[in-house]
């Protein structure tokens, strides 16, 4: 029997290209570095385990360690709020890049003009 390899599902409007993990992990790591915090201090502030934090940031794969590719949203919020930050949903300053960006752009323009038909 051939073992099935797991592949990361790529979404139409959230595709991070060649990275093997969600870019939010890099943003969380940058927060940690900007605040000059250790894993132990992060764990104390956020209530997350140091192992969880290590699995996000340590990209080394071994037989016993599989790095996190997509952290749970609740964990990301716990992390950011524990550091005194918040996540917000904002309209991007540039058009969302996606394989069907042209269709997406047309749909947004059509809805803005009151025409709700799909392209």
N, C-alpha and C. Protein backbone atom coordinates (compact mmCIF):
# COMPACT_ATOMS: atom_id res chain seq x y z
N UNK A 1 0.84 -1.18 0.00
CA UNK A 1 0.00 0.00 0.00
C UNK A 1 0.89 1.24 0.00
N UNK A 2 0.61 2.18 -0.85
CA UNK A 2 1.38 3.41 -0.96
C UNK A 2 0.82 4.43 0.02
N UNK A 3 1.72 5.02 0.81
CA UNK A 3 1.29 6.03 1.77
C UNK A 3 0.91 7.32 1.04
N UNK A 4 -0.21 7.88 1.44
CA UNK A 4 -0.67 9.11 0.82
C UNK A 4 0.09 10.28 1.44
N UNK A 5 0.68 11.11 0.59
CA UNK A 5 1.39 12.28 1.10
C UNK A 5 0.39 13.41 1.29
N UNK A 6 0.56 14.12 2.38
CA UNK A 6 -0.35 15.24 2.62
C UNK A 6 0.19 16.47 1.91
N UNK A 7 -0.72 17.20 1.33
CA UNK A 7 -0.34 18.41 0.62
C UNK A 7 -1.17 19.55 1.17
N UNK A 8 -0.55 20.69 1.31
CA UNK A 8 -1.23 21.86 1.82
C UNK A 8 -2.25 22.35 0.81
N UNK A 9 -3.47 22.55 1.25
CA UNK A 9 -4.50 23.07 0.36
C UNK A 9 -4.25 24.56 0.12
N UNK A 10 -4.25 24.95 -1.13
CA UNK A 10 -4.07 26.35 -1.49
C UNK A 10 -5.44 26.94 -1.81
N UNK A 11 -5.70 28.11 -1.27
CA UNK A 11 -6.96 28.78 -1.49
C UNK A 11 -6.82 29.82 -2.59
N UNK A 12 -7.91 30.08 -3.28
CA UNK A 12 -7.90 30.99 -4.42
C UNK A 12 -7.42 32.40 -4.03
N UNK A 13 -7.89 32.93 -2.92
CA UNK A 13 -7.55 34.30 -2.56
C UNK A 13 -6.58 34.39 -1.39
N UNK A 14 -6.01 33.27 -1.00
CA UNK A 14 -4.99 33.28 0.06
C UNK A 14 -3.96 32.22 -0.27
N UNK A 15 -3.06 32.57 -1.17
CA UNK A 15 -2.03 31.65 -1.63
C UNK A 15 -0.69 32.30 -1.35
N UNK A 16 0.10 31.68 -0.50
CA UNK A 16 1.35 32.32 -0.10
C UNK A 16 2.55 31.86 -0.91
N UNK A 17 2.32 31.39 -2.10
CA UNK A 17 3.40 31.10 -3.05
C UNK A 17 4.26 29.92 -2.66
N UNK A 18 5.57 30.14 -2.58
CA UNK A 18 6.50 29.03 -2.35
C UNK A 18 6.75 28.75 -0.88
N UNK A 19 6.20 29.54 0.03
CA UNK A 19 6.40 29.27 1.45
C UNK A 19 5.75 27.95 1.84
N UNK A 20 6.33 27.26 2.81
CA UNK A 20 5.74 26.01 3.27
C UNK A 20 4.89 26.23 4.52
N UNK A 21 4.64 27.50 4.86
CA UNK A 21 3.85 27.80 6.04
C UNK A 21 3.11 29.11 5.84
N UNK A 22 2.10 29.31 6.65
CA UNK A 22 1.29 30.51 6.59
C UNK A 22 2.16 31.73 6.97
N UNK A 23 2.09 32.82 6.22
CA UNK A 23 2.90 34.01 6.52
C UNK A 23 2.63 34.62 7.89
N UNK A 24 1.50 34.31 8.51
CA UNK A 24 1.23 34.85 9.85
C UNK A 24 2.29 34.38 10.84
N UNK A 25 2.89 33.21 10.58
CA UNK A 25 3.95 32.71 11.45
C UNK A 25 5.15 33.65 11.41
N UNK A 26 5.50 34.13 10.24
CA UNK A 26 6.61 35.07 10.11
C UNK A 26 6.28 36.40 10.81
N UNK A 27 5.04 36.84 10.70
CA UNK A 27 4.64 38.08 11.36
C UNK A 27 4.68 37.92 12.88
N UNK A 28 4.27 36.76 13.39
CA UNK A 28 4.33 36.52 14.83
C UNK A 28 5.79 36.46 15.31
N UNK A 29 6.65 35.83 14.52
CA UNK A 29 8.07 35.77 14.88
C UNK A 29 8.67 37.18 14.93
N UNK A 30 8.30 38.02 13.97
CA UNK A 30 8.78 39.40 13.95
C UNK A 30 8.33 40.14 15.20
N UNK A 31 7.08 39.92 15.62
CA UNK A 31 6.58 40.53 16.86
C UNK A 31 7.44 40.11 18.04
N UNK A 32 7.75 38.83 18.13
CA UNK A 32 8.57 38.30 19.22
C UNK A 32 9.95 38.98 19.22
N UNK A 33 10.55 39.11 18.04
CA UNK A 33 11.87 39.71 17.93
C UNK A 33 11.82 41.21 18.25
N UNK A 34 10.80 41.91 17.75
CA UNK A 34 10.66 43.34 18.03
C UNK A 34 10.48 43.62 19.51
N UNK A 35 9.80 42.72 20.20
CA UNK A 35 9.56 42.88 21.64
C UNK A 35 10.69 42.29 22.49
N UNK A 36 11.68 41.65 21.84
CA UNK A 36 12.84 41.05 22.52
C UNK A 36 12.40 40.03 23.57
N UNK A 37 11.55 39.09 23.15
CA UNK A 37 11.00 38.09 24.06
C UNK A 37 11.54 36.69 23.75
N UNK A 38 11.68 35.90 24.79
CA UNK A 38 12.07 34.49 24.64
C UNK A 38 10.80 33.64 24.55
N UNK A 39 10.97 32.38 24.19
CA UNK A 39 9.82 31.47 24.15
C UNK A 39 9.18 31.37 25.52
N UNK A 40 10.01 31.31 26.57
CA UNK A 40 9.48 31.20 27.93
C UNK A 40 8.66 32.43 28.31
N UNK A 41 9.15 33.61 27.97
CA UNK A 41 8.41 34.83 28.29
C UNK A 41 7.13 34.93 27.46
N UNK A 42 7.19 34.52 26.18
CA UNK A 42 5.99 34.48 25.35
C UNK A 42 4.94 33.56 25.96
N UNK A 43 5.38 32.39 26.41
CA UNK A 43 4.46 31.43 27.02
C UNK A 43 3.82 32.02 28.27
N UNK A 44 4.61 32.72 29.06
CA UNK A 44 4.09 33.35 30.28
C UNK A 44 3.06 34.42 29.95
N UNK A 45 3.34 35.25 28.96
CA UNK A 45 2.44 36.34 28.60
C UNK A 45 1.16 35.87 27.91
N UNK A 46 1.26 34.83 27.10
CA UNK A 46 0.13 34.42 26.27
C UNK A 46 -0.65 33.23 26.81
N UNK A 47 -0.02 32.42 27.65
CA UNK A 47 -0.66 31.21 28.13
C UNK A 47 -0.50 30.03 27.18
N UNK A 48 0.18 30.25 26.06
CA UNK A 48 0.48 29.16 25.12
C UNK A 48 1.69 28.39 25.62
N UNK A 49 1.79 27.14 25.24
CA UNK A 49 2.95 26.36 25.68
C UNK A 49 4.18 26.74 24.87
N UNK A 50 5.37 26.68 25.48
CA UNK A 50 6.59 26.94 24.74
C UNK A 50 6.75 25.99 23.55
N UNK A 51 6.23 24.76 23.69
CA UNK A 51 6.30 23.79 22.59
C UNK A 51 5.49 24.27 21.39
N UNK A 52 4.32 24.80 21.63
CA UNK A 52 3.49 25.34 20.56
C UNK A 52 4.23 26.46 19.83
N UNK A 53 4.79 27.36 20.58
CA UNK A 53 5.52 28.49 19.99
C UNK A 53 6.72 27.98 19.21
N UNK A 54 7.44 27.02 19.77
CA UNK A 54 8.58 26.43 19.07
C UNK A 54 8.15 25.77 17.77
N UNK A 55 7.02 25.08 17.77
CA UNK A 55 6.54 24.42 16.56
C UNK A 55 6.18 25.42 15.46
N UNK A 56 5.78 26.63 15.85
CA UNK A 56 5.51 27.67 14.86
C UNK A 56 6.80 28.17 14.22
N UNK A 57 7.78 28.45 15.07
CA UNK A 57 8.96 29.17 14.61
C UNK A 57 10.12 28.28 14.17
N UNK A 58 10.22 27.08 14.69
CA UNK A 58 11.32 26.19 14.32
C UNK A 58 10.90 25.39 13.09
N UNK A 59 11.45 25.70 11.94
CA UNK A 59 11.04 25.09 10.69
C UNK A 59 11.77 23.78 10.40
N UNK A 60 12.53 23.24 11.36
CA UNK A 60 13.26 22.00 11.16
C UNK A 60 12.33 20.81 11.33
N UNK A 61 12.35 19.91 10.38
CA UNK A 61 11.51 18.71 10.42
C UNK A 61 12.38 17.52 10.80
N UNK A 62 11.95 16.78 11.80
CA UNK A 62 12.63 15.55 12.20
C UNK A 62 11.60 14.43 12.28
N UNK A 63 12.03 13.24 12.69
CA UNK A 63 11.08 12.12 12.83
C UNK A 63 10.03 12.39 13.89
N UNK A 64 10.41 13.14 14.92
CA UNK A 64 9.48 13.40 16.02
C UNK A 64 8.90 14.81 16.00
N UNK A 65 9.39 15.67 15.14
CA UNK A 65 8.94 17.06 15.13
C UNK A 65 8.45 17.46 13.74
N UNK A 66 7.21 17.87 13.68
CA UNK A 66 6.64 18.39 12.44
C UNK A 66 6.24 19.84 12.70
N UNK A 67 6.90 20.78 12.03
CA UNK A 67 6.57 22.19 12.29
C UNK A 67 5.13 22.53 11.89
N UNK A 68 4.56 23.47 12.60
CA UNK A 68 3.21 23.93 12.30
C UNK A 68 3.22 24.69 10.99
N UNK A 69 2.28 24.35 10.10
CA UNK A 69 2.17 25.06 8.83
C UNK A 69 1.06 26.09 8.87
N UNK A 70 0.01 25.80 9.62
CA UNK A 70 -1.13 26.72 9.75
C UNK A 70 -1.58 26.75 11.20
N UNK A 71 -1.20 27.77 11.96
CA UNK A 71 -1.67 27.83 13.34
C UNK A 71 -3.17 28.11 13.39
N UNK A 72 -3.81 27.64 14.43
CA UNK A 72 -5.23 27.90 14.61
C UNK A 72 -5.45 29.40 14.87
N UNK A 73 -6.55 29.93 14.36
CA UNK A 73 -6.84 31.35 14.53
C UNK A 73 -6.92 31.72 16.01
N UNK A 74 -7.51 30.87 16.82
CA UNK A 74 -7.63 31.17 18.25
C UNK A 74 -6.25 31.28 18.90
N UNK A 75 -5.30 30.48 18.46
CA UNK A 75 -3.93 30.56 18.99
C UNK A 75 -3.24 31.84 18.54
N UNK A 76 -3.47 32.22 17.29
CA UNK A 76 -2.88 33.46 16.78
C UNK A 76 -3.43 34.65 17.56
N UNK A 77 -4.74 34.67 17.82
CA UNK A 77 -5.34 35.76 18.59
C UNK A 77 -4.83 35.76 20.03
N UNK A 78 -4.70 34.60 20.64
CA UNK A 78 -4.17 34.50 21.99
C UNK A 78 -2.76 35.08 22.05
N UNK A 79 -1.96 34.74 21.05
CA UNK A 79 -0.58 35.22 20.96
C UNK A 79 -0.54 36.74 20.82
N UNK A 80 -1.28 37.27 19.84
CA UNK A 80 -1.22 38.71 19.59
C UNK A 80 -1.81 39.52 20.75
N UNK A 81 -2.92 39.07 21.28
CA UNK A 81 -3.54 39.79 22.40
C UNK A 81 -2.68 39.71 23.65
N UNK A 82 -2.02 38.57 23.86
CA UNK A 82 -1.12 38.42 25.00
C UNK A 82 0.05 39.39 24.95
N UNK A 83 0.41 39.82 23.75
CA UNK A 83 1.50 40.78 23.58
C UNK A 83 0.98 42.22 23.50
N UNK A 84 -0.34 42.38 23.64
CA UNK A 84 -0.92 43.72 23.63
C UNK A 84 -1.25 44.23 22.24
N UNK A 85 -1.35 43.32 21.27
CA UNK A 85 -1.69 43.69 19.90
C UNK A 85 -3.07 43.13 19.55
N UNK A 86 -3.60 43.56 18.42
CA UNK A 86 -4.88 43.07 17.94
C UNK A 86 -4.76 42.82 16.44
N UNK A 87 -5.53 41.90 15.93
CA UNK A 87 -5.62 41.66 14.49
C UNK A 87 -6.90 42.32 14.00
N UNK A 88 -6.81 42.92 12.83
CA UNK A 88 -7.97 43.59 12.25
C UNK A 88 -8.13 43.18 10.79
N UNK A 89 -9.35 43.19 10.34
CA UNK A 89 -9.63 42.95 8.93
C UNK A 89 -9.72 44.31 8.27
N UNK A 90 -8.85 44.52 7.30
CA UNK A 90 -8.84 45.80 6.59
C UNK A 90 -8.82 45.53 5.09
N UNK A 91 -9.32 46.47 4.34
CA UNK A 91 -9.29 46.36 2.90
C UNK A 91 -7.84 46.53 2.44
N UNK A 92 -7.37 45.65 1.57
CA UNK A 92 -5.97 45.78 1.13
C UNK A 92 -5.76 47.05 0.32
N UNK A 93 -4.53 47.59 0.42
CA UNK A 93 -4.19 48.80 -0.32
C UNK A 93 -4.03 48.52 -1.80
N UNK A 94 -3.79 47.25 -2.13
CA UNK A 94 -3.65 46.85 -3.53
C UNK A 94 -4.66 45.75 -3.82
N UNK A 95 -4.89 45.52 -5.09
CA UNK A 95 -5.83 44.48 -5.49
C UNK A 95 -5.31 43.13 -5.02
N UNK A 96 -6.19 42.27 -4.55
CA UNK A 96 -5.82 40.94 -4.07
C UNK A 96 -5.27 40.13 -5.23
N UNK A 97 -4.06 39.59 -5.07
CA UNK A 97 -3.45 38.77 -6.11
C UNK A 97 -3.98 37.35 -6.00
N UNK A 98 -4.48 36.84 -7.09
CA UNK A 98 -4.98 35.48 -7.13
C UNK A 98 -4.98 35.01 -8.57
N UNK A 99 -5.08 33.72 -8.74
CA UNK A 99 -5.05 33.18 -10.10
C UNK A 99 -6.23 33.69 -10.92
N UNK A 100 -7.32 33.99 -10.25
CA UNK A 100 -8.50 34.51 -10.96
C UNK A 100 -8.72 35.98 -10.61
N UNK A 101 -7.64 36.71 -10.41
CA UNK A 101 -7.72 38.11 -10.02
C UNK A 101 -8.53 38.96 -10.97
N UNK A 102 -8.46 38.67 -12.26
CA UNK A 102 -9.21 39.46 -13.24
C UNK A 102 -10.70 39.29 -13.01
N UNK A 103 -11.13 38.06 -12.83
CA UNK A 103 -12.55 37.80 -12.56
C UNK A 103 -12.95 38.44 -11.24
N UNK A 104 -12.10 38.31 -10.21
CA UNK A 104 -12.38 38.91 -8.92
C UNK A 104 -12.54 40.42 -9.06
N UNK A 105 -11.63 41.06 -9.77
CA UNK A 105 -11.67 42.49 -9.96
C UNK A 105 -12.96 42.90 -10.68
N UNK A 106 -13.36 42.14 -11.71
CA UNK A 106 -14.60 42.43 -12.44
C UNK A 106 -15.80 42.30 -11.52
N UNK A 107 -15.82 41.25 -10.68
CA UNK A 107 -16.95 41.05 -9.78
C UNK A 107 -17.07 42.18 -8.78
N UNK A 108 -15.93 42.63 -8.24
CA UNK A 108 -15.96 43.75 -7.29
C UNK A 108 -16.46 45.01 -7.98
N UNK A 109 -15.95 45.27 -9.19
CA UNK A 109 -16.37 46.46 -9.94
C UNK A 109 -17.87 46.39 -10.27
N UNK A 110 -18.34 45.21 -10.67
CA UNK A 110 -19.75 45.04 -11.01
C UNK A 110 -20.64 45.27 -9.80
N UNK A 111 -20.24 44.74 -8.66
CA UNK A 111 -21.04 44.92 -7.44
C UNK A 111 -21.04 46.38 -7.01
N UNK A 112 -19.92 47.07 -7.20
CA UNK A 112 -19.84 48.48 -6.85
C UNK A 112 -20.78 49.32 -7.71
N UNK A 113 -20.99 48.85 -8.95
CA UNK A 113 -21.87 49.58 -9.87
C UNK A 113 -23.32 49.11 -9.78
N UNK A 114 -23.61 48.23 -8.85
CA UNK A 114 -24.97 47.76 -8.65
C UNK A 114 -25.36 46.56 -9.49
N UNK A 115 -24.42 46.03 -10.29
CA UNK A 115 -24.68 44.85 -11.10
C UNK A 115 -24.13 43.63 -10.37
N UNK A 116 -24.99 42.81 -9.83
CA UNK A 116 -24.56 41.68 -8.99
C UNK A 116 -24.45 40.36 -9.75
N UNK A 117 -24.41 40.41 -11.06
CA UNK A 117 -24.27 39.17 -11.82
C UNK A 117 -22.84 38.71 -11.79
N UNK A 118 -22.65 37.42 -11.75
CA UNK A 118 -21.31 36.83 -11.71
C UNK A 118 -20.73 36.72 -13.10
N UNK A 119 -19.42 36.88 -13.21
CA UNK A 119 -18.74 36.79 -14.50
C UNK A 119 -18.41 35.35 -14.79
